[in-house]
Amino acid sequence: MNQSILFSDTQLWDKDKQAVFFSAQCSGALIQCLIRKKELESIAGYSLNDEQQILEAFSMLRFDVEELTEQLIEDEAFNEQGMVEVVS
């Protein structure tokens, strides 16, 4: 785990985008991150049906999601909006 990348404990489900948004801080810069529901389901290995279940799965899988996110940040794999979108 890269100690220079810190993650906040916040997470927000966006129903329209079907994604959980969260943030990381690297070298003082705030980086917005997201993982789409289908990707979270792939990591979890089961379907997620509502907001509560999605956020619970995100919390349970946070360590795995953060590891994937760290690698993307280190690779500077930002999307067009300057965000990191987690894909495994």
PDB file of N, CA and C in Angstrom:
ATOM      1  N   MET A   1       0.846  -1.182   0.000  1.00  0.00           N
ATOM      2  CA  MET A   1       0.000   0.000   0.000  1.00  0.00           C
ATOM      3  C   MET A   1       0.884   1.235   0.000  1.00  0.00           C
ATOM      4  N   ASN A   2       0.620   2.132  -0.894  1.00  0.00           N
ATOM      5  CA  ASN A   2       1.379   3.367  -1.027  1.00  0.00           C
ATOM      6  C   ASN A   2       0.960   4.333   0.083  1.00  0.00           C
ATOM      7  N   GLN A   3       1.890   4.706   0.932  1.00  0.00           N
ATOM      8  CA  GLN A   3       1.582   5.586   2.062  1.00  0.00           C
ATOM      9  C   GLN A   3       1.360   7.037   1.648  1.00  0.00           C
ATOM     10  N   SER A   4       1.759   7.399   0.425  1.00  0.00           N
ATOM     11  CA  SER A   4       1.572   8.783  -0.009  1.00  0.00           C
ATOM     12  C   SER A   4       0.183   9.013  -0.602  1.00  0.00           C
ATOM     13  N   ILE A   5      -0.608   7.949  -0.740  1.00  0.00           N
ATOM     14  CA  ILE A   5      -1.982   8.068  -1.223  1.00  0.00           C
ATOM     15  C   ILE A   5      -2.907   7.744  -0.059  1.00  0.00           C
ATOM     16  N   LEU A   6      -3.723   8.711   0.293  1.00  0.00           N
ATOM     17  CA  LEU A   6      -4.659   8.558   1.406  1.00  0.00           C
ATOM     18  C   LEU A   6      -6.091   8.610   0.879  1.00  0.00           C
ATOM     19  N   PHE A   7      -6.953   7.791   1.439  1.00  0.00           N
ATOM     20  CA  PHE A   7      -8.349   7.746   1.024  1.00  0.00           C
ATOM     21  C   PHE A   7      -9.238   8.273   2.137  1.00  0.00           C
ATOM     22  N   SER A   8     -10.252   9.029   1.750  1.00  0.00           N
ATOM     23  CA  SER A   8     -11.232   9.491   2.736  1.00  0.00           C
ATOM     24  C   SER A   8     -12.190   8.339   3.024  1.00  0.00           C
ATOM     25  N   ASP A   9     -12.929   8.442   4.102  1.00  0.00           N
ATOM     26  CA  ASP A   9     -13.894   7.405   4.457  1.00  0.00           C
ATOM     27  C   ASP A   9     -15.247   7.612   3.787  1.00  0.00           C
ATOM     28  N   THR A  10     -15.388   8.694   3.052  1.00  0.00           N
ATOM     29  CA  THR A  10     -16.675   9.009   2.448  1.00  0.00           C
ATOM     30  C   THR A  10     -16.885   8.224   1.157  1.00  0.00           C
ATOM     31  N   GLN A  11     -18.138   7.933   0.918  1.00  0.00           N
ATOM     32  CA  GLN A  11     -18.536   7.303  -0.332  1.00  0.00           C
ATOM     33  C   GLN A  11     -19.945   7.776  -0.650  1.00  0.00           C
ATOM     34  N   LEU A  12     -20.231   7.933  -1.918  1.00  0.00           N
ATOM     35  CA  LEU A  12     -21.529   8.460  -2.337  1.00  0.00           C
ATOM     36  C   LEU A  12     -22.015   7.683  -3.541  1.00  0.00           C
ATOM     37  N   TRP A  13     -23.208   7.144  -3.453  1.00  0.00           N
ATOM     38  CA  TRP A  13     -23.825   6.428  -4.556  1.00  0.00           C
ATOM     39  C   TRP A  13     -24.523   7.426  -5.468  1.00  0.00           C
ATOM     40  N   ASP A  14     -24.237   7.367  -6.764  1.00  0.00           N
ATOM     41  CA  ASP A  14     -24.892   8.206  -7.765  1.00  0.00           C
ATOM     42  C   ASP A  14     -25.751   7.291  -8.633  1.00  0.00           C
ATOM     43  N   LYS A  15     -27.049   7.341  -8.410  1.00  0.00           N
ATOM     44  CA  LYS A  15     -27.977   6.455  -9.113  1.00  0.00           C
ATOM     45  C   LYS A  15     -27.939   6.692 -10.619  1.00  0.00           C
ATOM     46  N   ASP A  16     -27.878   7.947 -11.047  1.00  0.00           N
ATOM     47  CA  ASP A  16     -27.886   8.260 -12.474  1.00  0.00           C
ATOM     48  C   ASP A  16     -26.656   7.690 -13.188  1.00  0.00           C
ATOM     49  N   LYS A  17     -25.515   7.761 -12.545  1.00  0.00           N
ATOM     50  CA  LYS A  17     -24.271   7.265 -13.145  1.00  0.00           C
ATOM     51  C   LYS A  17     -24.004   5.811 -12.794  1.00  0.00           C
ATOM     52  N   GLN A  18     -24.829   5.245 -11.882  1.00  0.00           N
ATOM     53  CA  GLN A  18     -24.658   3.864 -11.444  1.00  0.00           C
ATOM     54  C   GLN A  18     -23.227   3.618 -10.960  1.00  0.00           C
ATOM     55  N   ALA A  19     -22.759   4.523 -10.071  1.00  0.00           N
ATOM     56  CA  ALA A  19     -21.380   4.451  -9.586  1.00  0.00           C
ATOM     57  C   ALA A  19     -21.283   4.954  -8.154  1.00  0.00           C
ATOM     58  N   VAL A  20     -20.296   4.417  -7.441  1.00  0.00           N
ATOM     59  CA  VAL A  20     -19.945   4.913  -6.113  1.00  0.00           C
ATOM     60  C   VAL A  20     -18.767   5.861  -6.304  1.00  0.00           C
ATOM     61  N   PHE A  21     -18.898   7.071  -5.790  1.00  0.00           N
ATOM     62  CA  PHE A  21     -17.834   8.069  -5.848  1.00  0.00           C
ATOM     63  C   PHE A  21     -17.134   8.121  -4.495  1.00  0.00           C
ATOM     64  N   PHE A  22     -15.826   8.264  -4.529  1.00  0.00           N
ATOM     65  CA  PHE A  22     -15.009   8.395  -3.333  1.00  0.00           C
ATOM     66  C   PHE A  22     -13.796   9.231  -3.709  1.00  0.00           C
ATOM     67  N   SER A  23     -12.963   9.578  -2.741  1.00  0.00           N
ATOM     68  CA  SER A  23     -11.834  10.446  -3.069  1.00  0.00           C
ATOM     69  C   SER A  23     -10.542   9.946  -2.435  1.00  0.00           C
ATOM     70  N   ALA A  24      -9.454  10.373  -3.064  1.00  0.00           N
ATOM     71  CA  ALA A  24      -8.112  10.059  -2.580  1.00  0.00           C
ATOM     72  C   ALA A  24      -7.315  11.355  -2.572  1.00  0.00           C
ATOM     73  N   GLN A  25      -6.275  11.363  -1.775  1.00  0.00           N
ATOM     74  CA  GLN A  25      -5.372  12.509  -1.747  1.00  0.00           C
ATOM     75  C   GLN A  25      -3.962  11.992  -2.022  1.00  0.00           C
ATOM     76  N   CYS A  26      -3.309  12.627  -2.982  1.00  0.00           N
ATOM     77  CA  CYS A  26      -1.959  12.234  -3.360  1.00  0.00           C
ATOM     78  C   CYS A  26      -1.126  13.496  -3.523  1.00  0.00           C
ATOM     79  N   SER A  27      -0.064  13.598  -2.750  1.00  0.00           N
ATOM     80  CA  SER A  27       0.822  14.777  -2.795  1.00  0.00           C
ATOM     81  C   SER A  27       0.038  16.073  -2.649  1.00  0.00           C
ATOM     82  N   GLY A  28      -0.958  16.048  -1.789  1.00  0.00           N
ATOM     83  CA  GLY A  28      -1.754  17.238  -1.510  1.00  0.00           C
ATOM     84  C   GLY A  28      -2.881  17.488  -2.492  1.00  0.00           C
ATOM     85  N   ALA A  29      -2.944  16.735  -3.580  1.00  0.00           N
ATOM     86  CA  ALA A  29      -4.004  16.923  -4.580  1.00  0.00           C
ATOM     87  C   ALA A  29      -5.173  15.992  -4.274  1.00  0.00           C
ATOM     88  N   LEU A  30      -6.380  16.530  -4.345  1.00  0.00           N
ATOM     89  CA  LEU A  30      -7.584  15.744  -4.145  1.00  0.00           C
ATOM     90  C   LEU A  30      -7.967  15.106  -5.477  1.00  0.00           C
ATOM     91  N   ILE A  31      -8.140  13.799  -5.474  1.00  0.00           N
ATOM     92  CA  ILE A  31      -8.470  13.067  -6.690  1.00  0.00           C
ATOM     93  C   ILE A  31      -9.828  12.411  -6.504  1.00  0.00           C
ATOM     94  N   GLN A  32     -10.764  12.760  -7.377  1.00  0.00           N
ATOM     95  CA  GLN A  32     -12.077  12.137  -7.342  1.00  0.00           C
ATOM     96  C   GLN A  32     -11.989  10.789  -8.040  1.00  0.00           C
ATOM     97  N   CYS A  33     -12.608   9.785  -7.433  1.00  0.00           N
ATOM     98  CA  CYS A  33     -12.545   8.424  -7.949  1.00  0.00           C
ATOM     99  C   CYS A  33     -13.959   7.859  -8.020  1.00  0.00           C
ATOM    100  N   LEU A  34     -14.127   6.854  -8.868  1.00  0.00           N
ATOM    101  CA  LEU A  34     -15.417   6.195  -8.943  1.00  0.00           C
ATOM    102  C   LEU A  34     -15.236   4.747  -9.343  1.00  0.00           C
ATOM    103  N   ILE A  35     -16.208   3.957  -8.922  1.00  0.00           N
ATOM    104  CA  ILE A  35     -16.299   2.566  -9.359  1.00  0.00           C
ATOM    105  C   ILE A  35     -17.749   2.334  -9.734  1.00  0.00           C
ATOM    106  N   ARG A  36     -17.954   1.838 -10.931  1.00  0.00           N
ATOM    107  CA  ARG A  36     -19.317   1.593 -11.408  1.00  0.00           C
ATOM    108  C   ARG A  36     -19.889   0.331 -10.760  1.00  0.00           C
ATOM    109  N   LYS A  37     -21.213   0.305 -10.656  1.00  0.00           N
ATOM    110  CA  LYS A  37     -21.912  -0.805 -10.020  1.00  0.00           C
ATOM    111  C   LYS A  37     -21.506  -2.136 -10.640  1.00  0.00           C
ATOM    112  N   LYS A  38     -21.450  -2.217 -11.955  1.00  0.00           N
ATOM    113  CA  LYS A  38     -21.129  -3.495 -12.604  1.00  0.00           C
ATOM    114  C   LYS A  38     -19.718  -3.969 -12.240  1.00  0.00           C
ATOM    115  N   GLU A  39     -18.785  -3.028 -12.062  1.00  0.00           N
ATOM    116  CA  GLU A  39     -17.423  -3.390 -11.667  1.00  0.00           C
ATOM    117  C   GLU A  39     -17.395  -3.864 -10.217  1.00  0.00           C
ATOM    118  N   LEU A  40     -18.144  -3.188  -9.363  1.00  0.00           N
ATOM    119  CA  LEU A  40     -18.242  -3.594  -7.963  1.00  0.00           C
ATOM    120  C   LEU A  40     -18.870  -4.985  -7.855  1.00  0.00           C
ATOM    121  N   GLU A  41     -19.892  -5.244  -8.672  1.00  0.00           N
ATOM    122  CA  GLU A  41     -20.514  -6.570  -8.688  1.00  0.00           C
ATOM    123  C   GLU A  41     -19.515  -7.634  -9.135  1.00  0.00           C
ATOM    124  N   SER A  42     -18.690  -7.291 -10.099  1.00  0.00           N
ATOM    125  CA  SER A  42     -17.679  -8.227 -10.587  1.00  0.00           C
ATOM    126  C   SER A  42     -16.691  -8.590  -9.481  1.00  0.00           C
ATOM    127  N   ILE A  43     -16.252  -7.602  -8.729  1.00  0.00           N
ATOM    128  CA  ILE A  43     -15.319  -7.848  -7.625  1.00  0.00           C
ATOM    129  C   ILE A  43     -16.011  -8.626  -6.502  1.00  0.00           C
ATOM    130  N   ALA A  44     -17.263  -8.252  -6.207  1.00  0.00           N
ATOM    131  CA  ALA A  44     -18.012  -8.904  -5.124  1.00  0.00           C
ATOM    132  C   ALA A  44     -18.397 -10.335  -5.493  1.00  0.00           C
ATOM    133  N   GLY A  45     -18.669 -10.557  -6.762  1.00  0.00           N
ATOM    134  CA  GLY A  45     -19.076 -11.884  -7.197  1.00  0.00           C
ATOM    135  C   GLY A  45     -20.566 -12.143  -7.084  1.00  0.00           C
ATOM    136  N   TYR A  46     -21.351 -11.086  -6.896  1.00  0.00           N
ATOM    137  CA  TYR A  46     -22.802 -11.235  -6.819  1.00  0.00           C
ATOM    138  C   TYR A  46     -23.473  -9.921  -7.207  1.00  0.00           C
ATOM    139  N   SER A  47     -24.771  -9.998  -7.523  1.00  0.00           N
ATOM    140  CA  SER A  47     -25.541  -8.826  -7.929  1.00  0.00           C
ATOM    141  C   SER A  47     -25.851  -7.938  -6.737  1.00  0.00           C
ATOM    142  N   LEU A  48     -25.845  -6.652  -6.985  1.00  0.00           N
ATOM    143  CA  LEU A  48     -26.166  -5.653  -5.965  1.00  0.00           C
ATOM    144  C   LEU A  48     -27.458  -4.972  -6.396  1.00  0.00           C
ATOM    145  N   ASN A  49     -28.459  -4.973  -5.504  1.00  0.00           N
ATOM    146  CA  ASN A  49     -29.801  -4.578  -5.930  1.00  0.00           C
ATOM    147  C   ASN A  49     -30.269  -3.203  -5.494  1.00  0.00           C
ATOM    148  N   ASP A  50     -29.703  -2.653  -4.430  1.00  0.00           N
ATOM    149  CA  ASP A  50     -30.164  -1.341  -3.989  1.00  0.00           C
ATOM    150  C   ASP A  50     -28.990  -0.557  -3.399  1.00  0.00           C
ATOM    151  N   GLU A  51     -29.243   0.704  -3.123  1.00  0.00           N
ATOM    152  CA  GLU A  51     -28.183   1.598  -2.643  1.00  0.00           C
ATOM    153  C   GLU A  51     -27.511   1.074  -1.381  1.00  0.00           C
ATOM    154  N   GLN A  52     -28.289   0.600  -0.428  1.00  0.00           N
ATOM    155  CA  GLN A  52     -27.715   0.106   0.825  1.00  0.00           C
ATOM    156  C   GLN A  52     -26.783  -1.071   0.560  1.00  0.00           C
ATOM    157  N   GLN A  53     -27.220  -2.000  -0.265  1.00  0.00           N
ATOM    158  CA  GLN A  53     -26.403  -3.175  -0.579  1.00  0.00           C
ATOM    159  C   GLN A  53     -25.127  -2.769  -1.333  1.00  0.00           C
ATOM    160  N   ILE A  54     -25.241  -1.811  -2.219  1.00  0.00           N
ATOM    161  CA  ILE A  54     -24.082  -1.325  -2.991  1.00  0.00           C
ATOM    162  C   ILE A  54     -23.059  -0.690  -2.057  1.00  0.00           C
ATOM    163  N   LEU A  55     -23.512   0.190  -1.173  1.00  0.00           N
ATOM    164  CA  LEU A  55     -22.587   0.860  -0.254  1.00  0.00           C
ATOM    165  C   LEU A  55     -21.990  -0.112   0.756  1.00  0.00           C
ATOM    166  N   GLU A  56     -22.768  -1.108   1.192  1.00  0.00           N
ATOM    167  CA  GLU A  56     -22.226  -2.127   2.091  1.00  0.00           C
ATOM    168  C   GLU A  56     -21.142  -2.946   1.393  1.00  0.00           C
ATOM    169  N   ALA A  57     -21.385  -3.313   0.136  1.00  0.00           N
ATOM    170  CA  ALA A  57     -20.384  -4.067  -0.630  1.00  0.00           C
ATOM    171  C   ALA A  57     -19.134  -3.222  -0.831  1.00  0.00           C
ATOM    172  N   PHE A  58     -19.320  -1.938  -1.122  1.00  0.00           N
ATOM    173  CA  PHE A  58     -18.169  -1.056  -1.290  1.00  0.00           C
ATOM    174  C   PHE A  58     -17.347  -1.022  -0.001  1.00  0.00           C
ATOM    175  N   SER A  59     -18.015  -0.897   1.134  1.00  0.00           N
ATOM    176  CA  SER A  59     -17.313  -0.858   2.418  1.00  0.00           C
ATOM    177  C   SER A  59     -16.559  -2.158   2.679  1.00  0.00           C
ATOM    178  N   MET A  60     -17.199  -3.285   2.385  1.00  0.00           N
ATOM    179  CA  MET A  60     -16.564  -4.580   2.608  1.00  0.00           C
ATOM    180  C   MET A  60     -15.371  -4.798   1.677  1.00  0.00           C
ATOM    181  N   LEU A  61     -15.445  -4.237   0.482  1.00  0.00           N
ATOM    182  CA  LEU A  61     -14.396  -4.435  -0.526  1.00  0.00           C
ATOM    183  C   LEU A  61     -13.469  -3.235  -0.647  1.00  0.00           C
ATOM    184  N   ARG A  62     -13.582  -2.304   0.292  1.00  0.00           N
ATOM    185  CA  ARG A  62     -12.829  -1.044   0.208  1.00  0.00           C
ATOM    186  C   ARG A  62     -11.332  -1.279   0.013  1.00  0.00           C
ATOM    187  N   PHE A  63     -10.746  -2.212   0.749  1.00  0.00           N
ATOM    188  CA  PHE A  63      -9.306  -2.451   0.642  1.00  0.00           C
ATOM    189  C   PHE A  63      -8.941  -2.855  -0.786  1.00  0.00           C
ATOM    190  N   ASP A  64      -9.714  -3.760  -1.384  1.00  0.00           N
ATOM    191  CA  ASP A  64      -9.450  -4.188  -2.759  1.00  0.00           C
ATOM    192  C   ASP A  64      -9.629  -3.039  -3.742  1.00  0.00           C
ATOM    193  N   VAL A  65     -10.690  -2.265  -3.562  1.00  0.00           N
ATOM    194  CA  VAL A  65     -10.948  -1.129  -4.447  1.00  0.00           C
ATOM    195  C   VAL A  65      -9.831  -0.091  -4.326  1.00  0.00           C
ATOM    196  N   GLU A  66      -9.387   0.168  -3.101  1.00  0.00           N
ATOM    197  CA  GLU A  66      -8.309   1.141  -2.898  1.00  0.00           C
ATOM    198  C   GLU A  66      -7.000   0.663  -3.519  1.00  0.00           C
ATOM    199  N   GLU A  67      -6.720  -0.636  -3.458  1.00  0.00           N
ATOM    200  CA  GLU A  67      -5.512  -1.157  -4.110  1.00  0.00           C
ATOM    201  C   GLU A  67      -5.552  -0.926  -5.612  1.00  0.00           C
ATOM    202  N   LEU A  68      -6.696  -1.217  -6.229  1.00  0.00           N
ATOM    203  CA  LEU A  68      -6.850  -0.980  -7.665  1.00  0.00           C
ATOM    204  C   LEU A  68      -6.717   0.509  -7.988  1.00  0.00           C
ATOM    205  N   THR A  69      -7.306   1.335  -7.134  1.00  0.00           N
ATOM    206  CA  THR A  69      -7.262   2.781  -7.331  1.00  0.00           C
ATOM    207  C   THR A  69      -5.841   3.310  -7.214  1.00  0.00           C
ATOM    208  N   GLU A  70      -5.102   2.834  -6.228  1.00  0.00           N
ATOM    209  CA  GLU A  70      -3.707   3.267  -6.056  1.00  0.00           C
ATOM    210  C   GLU A  70      -2.891   3.018  -7.312  1.00  0.00           C
ATOM    211  N   GLN A  71      -3.058   1.836  -7.885  1.00  0.00           N
ATOM    212  CA  GLN A  71      -2.302   1.514  -9.099  1.00  0.00           C
ATOM    213  C   GLN A  71      -2.676   2.459 -10.234  1.00  0.00           C
ATOM    214  N   LEU A  72      -3.955   2.763 -10.371  1.00  0.00           N
ATOM    215  CA  LEU A  72      -4.399   3.678 -11.426  1.00  0.00           C
ATOM    216  C   LEU A  72      -3.854   5.086 -11.207  1.00  0.00           C
ATOM    217  N   ILE A  73      -3.821   5.526  -9.949  1.00  0.00           N
ATOM    218  CA  ILE A  73      -3.269   6.849  -9.642  1.00  0.00           C
ATOM    219  C   ILE A  73      -1.778   6.871  -9.962  1.00  0.00           C
ATOM    220  N   GLU A  74      -1.065   5.821  -9.558  1.00  0.00           N
ATOM    221  CA  GLU A  74       0.370   5.757  -9.843  1.00  0.00           C
ATOM    222  C   GLU A  74       0.642   5.728 -11.348  1.00  0.00           C
ATOM    223  N   ASP A  75      -0.255   5.099 -12.108  1.00  0.00           N
ATOM    224  CA  ASP A  75      -0.119   5.040 -13.566  1.00  0.00           C
ATOM    225  C   ASP A  75      -0.664   6.295 -14.248  1.00  0.00           C
ATOM    226  N   GLU A  76      -1.193   7.232 -13.438  1.00  0.00           N
ATOM    227  CA  GLU A  76      -1.801   8.462 -13.940  1.00  0.00           C
ATOM    228  C   GLU A  76      -2.896   8.170 -14.960  1.00  0.00           C
ATOM    229  N   ALA A  77      -3.710   7.171 -14.645  1.00  0.00           N
ATOM    230  CA  ALA A  77      -4.789   6.736 -15.528  1.00  0.00           C
ATOM    231  C   ALA A  77      -6.070   7.503 -15.223  1.00  0.00           C
ATOM    232  N   PHE A  78      -6.075   8.782 -15.566  1.00  0.00           N
ATOM    233  CA  PHE A  78      -7.226   9.647 -15.327  1.00  0.00           C
ATOM    234  C   PHE A  78      -8.127   9.656 -16.555  1.00  0.00           C
ATOM    235  N   ASN A  79      -9.440   9.759 -16.349  1.00  0.00           N
ATOM    236  CA  ASN A  79     -10.350   9.859 -17.484  1.00  0.00           C
ATOM    237  C   ASN A  79     -10.431  11.307 -17.972  1.00  0.00           C
ATOM    238  N   GLU A  80     -11.302  11.556 -18.919  1.00  0.00           N
ATOM    239  CA  GLU A  80     -11.418  12.896 -19.528  1.00  0.00           C
ATOM    240  C   GLU A  80     -11.791  13.971 -18.524  1.00  0.00           C
ATOM    241  N   GLN A  81     -12.458  13.587 -17.437  1.00  0.00           N
ATOM    242  CA  GLN A  81     -12.859  14.540 -16.404  1.00  0.00           C
ATOM    243  C   GLN A  81     -11.781  14.685 -15.318  1.00  0.00           C
ATOM    244  N   GLY A  82     -10.658  14.020 -15.471  1.00  0.00           N
ATOM    245  CA  GLY A  82      -9.600  14.107 -14.484  1.00  0.00           C
ATOM    246  C   GLY A  82      -9.812  13.214 -13.278  1.00  0.00           C
ATOM    247  N   MET A  83     -10.743  12.272 -13.409  1.00  0.00           N
ATOM    248  CA  MET A  83     -11.046  11.354 -12.318  1.00  0.00           C
ATOM    249  C   MET A  83     -10.413  10.005 -12.588  1.00  0.00           C
ATOM    250  N   VAL A  84     -10.335   9.192 -11.544  1.00  0.00           N
ATOM    251  CA  VAL A  84      -9.862   7.815 -11.685  1.00  0.00           C
ATOM    252  C   VAL A  84     -11.096   6.917 -11.640  1.00  0.00           C
ATOM    253  N   GLU A  85     -11.282   6.144 -12.707  1.00  0.00           N
ATOM    254  CA  GLU A  85     -12.383   5.181 -12.759  1.00  0.00           C
ATOM    255  C   GLU A  85     -11.798   3.797 -12.568  1.00  0.00           C
ATOM    256  N   VAL A  86     -12.234   3.127 -11.519  1.00  0.00           N
ATOM    257  CA  VAL A  86     -11.677   1.820 -11.158  1.00  0.00           C
ATOM    258  C   VAL A  86     -12.220   0.735 -12.075  1.00  0.00           C
ATOM    259  N   VAL A  87     -11.287   0.036 -12.690  1.00  0.00           N
ATOM    260  CA  VAL A  87     -11.618  -1.153 -13.479  1.00  0.00           C
ATOM    261  C   VAL A  87     -10.564  -2.194 -13.116  1.00  0.00           C
ATOM    262  N   SER A  88     -11.000  -3.446 -13.026  1.00  0.00           N
ATOM    263  CA  SER A  88     -10.047  -4.485 -12.657  1.00  0.00           C
ATOM    264  C   SER A  88      -9.539  -5.214 -13.879  1.00  0.00           C
TER     265      SER A  88
END
